[in-house]
Amino acid sequence: MDSAAREQSGELGIYESFPFPVAQINDDDVLRIQQLEQDLGVVLVAYEGGEG
């Protein structure tokens, strides 16, 4: 679906205004990231928002 179609269907989200691609992550991804943070001893910072 292209941007024009998304605008008309009301699916145009806040991410469309960002100048960089934003990935959608699910709960499994969050758990993987948390495990990675523990393994590396770091905290990965990400913007949390959108659907879900």
Protein backbone atom coordinates (compact mmCIF):
# COMPACT_ATOMS: atom_id res chain seq x y z
CA MET A 1 0.00 0.00 0.00
CA ASP A 2 1.47 3.38 -0.93
CA SER A 3 1.41 6.58 1.15
CA ALA A 4 -1.57 8.08 -0.67
CA ALA A 5 -3.66 4.98 -0.02
CA ARG A 6 -2.60 4.96 3.63
CA GLU A 7 -3.57 8.61 4.06
CA GLN A 8 -7.03 7.94 2.66
CA SER A 9 -7.56 4.84 4.81
CA GLY A 10 -6.45 6.65 7.95
CA GLU A 11 -3.46 4.37 8.50
CA LEU A 12 -0.92 7.16 8.20
CA GLY A 13 0.87 7.06 11.54
CA ILE A 14 3.33 9.29 13.34
CA TYR A 15 6.21 7.24 11.94
CA GLU A 16 5.54 8.59 8.45
CA SER A 17 6.93 11.96 9.54
CA PHE A 18 10.29 10.52 10.63
CA PRO A 19 13.13 10.83 8.08
CA PHE A 20 14.29 7.28 8.83
CA PRO A 21 12.67 3.84 8.72
CA VAL A 22 11.09 2.57 11.94
CA ALA A 23 10.71 -1.14 12.57
CA GLN A 24 7.66 -2.63 14.24
CA ILE A 25 8.70 -4.92 17.10
CA ASN A 26 6.69 -7.54 18.94
CA ASP A 27 6.95 -9.02 22.43
CA ASP A 28 9.42 -11.70 21.32
CA ASP A 29 11.70 -8.99 19.95
CA VAL A 30 11.47 -7.08 23.23
CA LEU A 31 12.50 -10.18 25.19
CA ARG A 32 15.40 -10.79 22.79
CA ILE A 33 16.54 -7.19 23.19
CA GLN A 34 16.34 -7.42 26.99
CA GLN A 35 18.39 -10.63 26.95
CA LEU A 36 20.95 -8.98 24.68
CA GLU A 37 21.15 -6.01 27.03
CA GLN A 38 21.86 -8.34 29.95
CA ASP A 39 24.49 -10.26 27.98
CA LEU A 40 26.27 -7.08 26.89
CA GLY A 41 25.71 -5.14 30.10
CA VAL A 42 24.21 -2.21 28.22
CA VAL A 43 20.81 -0.62 27.77
CA LEU A 44 19.55 -0.10 24.24
CA VAL A 45 17.40 3.00 23.94
CA ALA A 46 14.43 3.02 21.59
CA TYR A 47 11.32 5.07 21.07
CA GLU A 48 8.26 3.11 22.17
CA GLY A 49 5.01 4.06 20.48
CA GLY A 50 2.65 3.35 17.64
CA GLU A 51 0.28 0.42 17.50
CA GLY A 52 0.39 -2.32 20.06
